[in-house]
N, C-alpha and C. Protein backbone atom coordinates (compact mmCIF):
# COMPACT_ATOMS: atom_id res chain seq x y z
N MET A 1 -14.96 -3.90 -2.29
CA MET A 1 -16.20 -3.20 -2.49
C MET A 1 -17.22 -3.22 -1.23
N TYR A 2 -17.73 -2.40 -0.60
CA TYR A 2 -18.86 -2.61 0.43
C TYR A 2 -19.74 -1.19 0.21
N GLU A 3 -20.98 -1.53 0.87
CA GLU A 3 -21.82 -0.42 0.88
C GLU A 3 -21.45 0.66 1.28
N GLY A 4 -21.69 1.75 0.46
CA GLY A 4 -21.12 3.15 0.99
C GLY A 4 -19.59 3.48 0.81
N ASP A 5 -19.12 2.73 -0.02
CA ASP A 5 -17.76 2.80 -0.69
C ASP A 5 -17.48 3.91 -1.41
N LEU A 6 -18.26 4.28 -2.44
CA LEU A 6 -18.46 5.36 -3.05
C LEU A 6 -18.59 6.61 -2.33
N LEU A 7 -19.62 6.69 -1.41
CA LEU A 7 -19.83 7.73 -0.61
C LEU A 7 -18.73 8.13 0.30
N ALA A 8 -18.10 7.11 0.76
CA ALA A 8 -16.97 7.12 1.44
C ALA A 8 -15.64 8.10 0.87
N ALA A 9 -15.55 7.72 -0.55
CA ALA A 9 -14.46 8.09 -1.04
C ALA A 9 -14.81 9.72 -1.58
N VAL A 10 -15.99 9.95 -1.85
CA VAL A 10 -16.31 11.35 -2.54
C VAL A 10 -15.91 12.72 -1.65
N PRO A 11 -16.59 12.55 -0.13
CA PRO A 11 -16.51 13.70 0.60
C PRO A 11 -15.11 13.87 1.17
N THR A 12 -14.33 12.82 0.93
CA THR A 12 -13.06 12.84 1.81
C THR A 12 -11.88 13.44 0.79
N ARG A 13 -12.40 13.96 -0.52
CA ARG A 13 -11.58 14.45 -1.35
C ARG A 13 -11.01 15.69 -0.92
N SER A 14 -9.84 16.24 -1.32
CA SER A 14 -9.24 17.80 -0.85
C SER A 14 -10.54 18.81 -1.08
N PRO A 15 -10.47 19.72 0.02
CA PRO A 15 -11.45 20.80 -0.07
C PRO A 15 -11.18 21.62 -1.31
N ASP A 16 -10.00 21.58 -1.76
CA ASP A 16 -9.72 22.43 -2.98
C ASP A 16 -10.80 22.08 -4.29
N ILE A 17 -10.69 20.81 -4.22
CA ILE A 17 -11.83 19.97 -5.65
C ILE A 17 -13.15 20.81 -5.45
N TRP A 18 -13.73 21.08 -4.30
CA TRP A 18 -15.10 21.63 -4.31
C TRP A 18 -15.26 23.20 -4.64
N SER A 19 -13.93 23.92 -4.50
CA SER A 19 -13.86 25.00 -5.06
C SER A 19 -13.65 25.31 -6.47
N THR A 20 -12.88 24.35 -6.82
CA THR A 20 -12.82 24.32 -8.45
C THR A 20 -13.86 23.78 -9.26
N SER A 21 -14.50 23.06 -8.53
CA SER A 21 -15.85 22.29 -9.30
C SER A 21 -17.09 22.49 -8.22
N PRO A 22 -17.59 23.62 -8.02
CA PRO A 22 -18.55 24.07 -7.06
C PRO A 22 -20.03 23.24 -7.72
N GLU A 23 -20.13 22.94 -8.64
CA GLU A 23 -21.52 22.18 -9.13
C GLU A 23 -21.35 21.24 -8.64
N LEU A 24 -20.11 20.28 -8.66
CA LEU A 24 -20.16 18.79 -7.84
C LEU A 24 -20.19 18.98 -6.35
N GLY A 25 -19.70 19.85 -5.84
CA GLY A 25 -20.03 20.06 -4.40
C GLY A 25 -21.44 20.20 -4.15
N CYS A 26 -22.18 21.17 -4.98
CA CYS A 26 -23.52 21.17 -4.90
C CYS A 26 -24.28 19.82 -4.96
N ASP A 27 -23.75 19.28 -6.08
CA ASP A 27 -24.81 17.79 -6.17
C ASP A 27 -24.28 16.91 -4.95
N LEU A 28 -23.22 17.03 -4.59
CA LEU A 28 -22.66 16.35 -3.32
C LEU A 28 -23.67 16.53 -1.99
N ARG A 29 -23.74 17.76 -1.92
CA ARG A 29 -24.64 18.63 -0.86
C ARG A 29 -26.07 17.84 -1.07
N LEU A 30 -26.79 17.86 -2.02
CA LEU A 30 -28.11 17.51 -2.35
C LEU A 30 -28.12 15.94 -1.89
N ILE A 31 -27.17 15.21 -2.33
CA ILE A 31 -27.30 13.71 -2.13
C ILE A 31 -27.20 13.57 -0.56
N VAL A 32 -26.05 13.97 0.01
CA VAL A 32 -25.96 13.60 1.56
C VAL A 32 -27.01 14.40 2.37
N SER A 33 -27.59 15.43 2.01
CA SER A 33 -28.42 15.97 2.84
C SER A 33 -29.93 15.44 2.83
N ASP A 34 -30.05 14.49 1.65
CA ASP A 34 -31.13 13.54 1.40
C ASP A 34 -30.94 12.10 2.17
N LEU A 35 -29.68 11.93 3.01
CA LEU A 35 -29.86 10.65 3.76
C LEU A 35 -30.82 11.07 4.99
N SER A 36 -31.55 10.00 5.21
CA SER A 36 -32.67 10.18 6.28
C SER A 36 -32.10 10.31 7.46
N ASP A 37 -30.87 9.63 8.05
CA ASP A 37 -30.33 9.68 9.37
C ASP A 37 -28.83 9.36 8.97
N PRO A 38 -28.09 10.57 8.84
CA PRO A 38 -26.62 10.19 8.98
C PRO A 38 -26.19 9.59 10.10
N SER A 39 -26.64 9.41 10.99
CA SER A 39 -26.06 8.40 12.17
C SER A 39 -26.26 7.22 11.98
N ASP A 40 -27.18 6.76 10.66
CA ASP A 40 -27.13 5.37 10.30
C ASP A 40 -25.86 5.10 9.65
N LEU A 41 -24.85 5.74 9.29
CA LEU A 41 -23.93 5.31 8.73
C LEU A 41 -22.79 5.12 9.71
N PRO A 42 -21.71 4.42 9.06
CA PRO A 42 -20.67 4.20 9.99
C PRO A 42 -20.00 5.38 10.68
N PRO A 43 -19.65 5.42 11.88
CA PRO A 43 -18.99 6.60 12.57
C PRO A 43 -18.07 7.18 11.77
N ASP A 44 -17.03 6.55 10.85
CA ASP A 44 -16.12 7.20 10.34
C ASP A 44 -16.51 8.18 9.25
N LEU A 45 -17.67 7.33 8.41
CA LEU A 45 -18.22 7.96 7.30
C LEU A 45 -19.42 9.13 7.73
N GLU A 46 -20.06 9.14 8.93
CA GLU A 46 -20.66 10.09 9.21
C GLU A 46 -19.90 11.24 9.62
N TYR A 47 -18.68 11.12 10.30
CA TYR A 47 -17.87 12.15 10.61
C TYR A 47 -17.37 12.93 9.32
N GLU A 48 -17.15 12.08 8.11
CA GLU A 48 -16.70 12.63 6.82
C GLU A 48 -17.81 13.62 6.26
N VAL A 49 -19.01 12.81 6.13
CA VAL A 49 -20.27 13.53 5.70
C VAL A 49 -20.35 14.97 6.47
N LYS A 50 -20.35 14.82 7.52
CA LYS A 50 -20.71 16.18 8.45
C LYS A 50 -19.28 17.10 8.20
N ARG A 51 -17.98 16.80 8.19
CA ARG A 51 -17.00 17.50 7.90
C ARG A 51 -17.27 18.32 6.22
N PHE A 52 -17.76 17.40 5.60
CA PHE A 52 -17.97 17.89 4.12
C PHE A 52 -19.02 19.11 4.24
N LEU A 53 -19.94 18.64 4.60
CA LEU A 53 -21.36 19.54 4.91
C LEU A 53 -20.73 20.98 5.72
N ALA A 54 -19.84 21.06 6.45
CA ALA A 54 -19.55 22.17 7.33
C ALA A 54 -18.56 22.95 6.55
N LEU A 55 -18.03 22.51 5.04
CA LEU A 55 -17.08 23.41 4.36
C LEU A 55 -17.76 24.64 3.92
């Protein structure tokens, strides 16, 4: 386990999960949009967060 491990696991789920559980997707959007500066994340995690937000 490392810092950001859970955050790394969640937005990388199949996009289908977000359409079947839109309330979870909404919660995750709120969480990641509260990140003060996503560029402070490791580059691969920053990419996944941006990819999730683009869904």
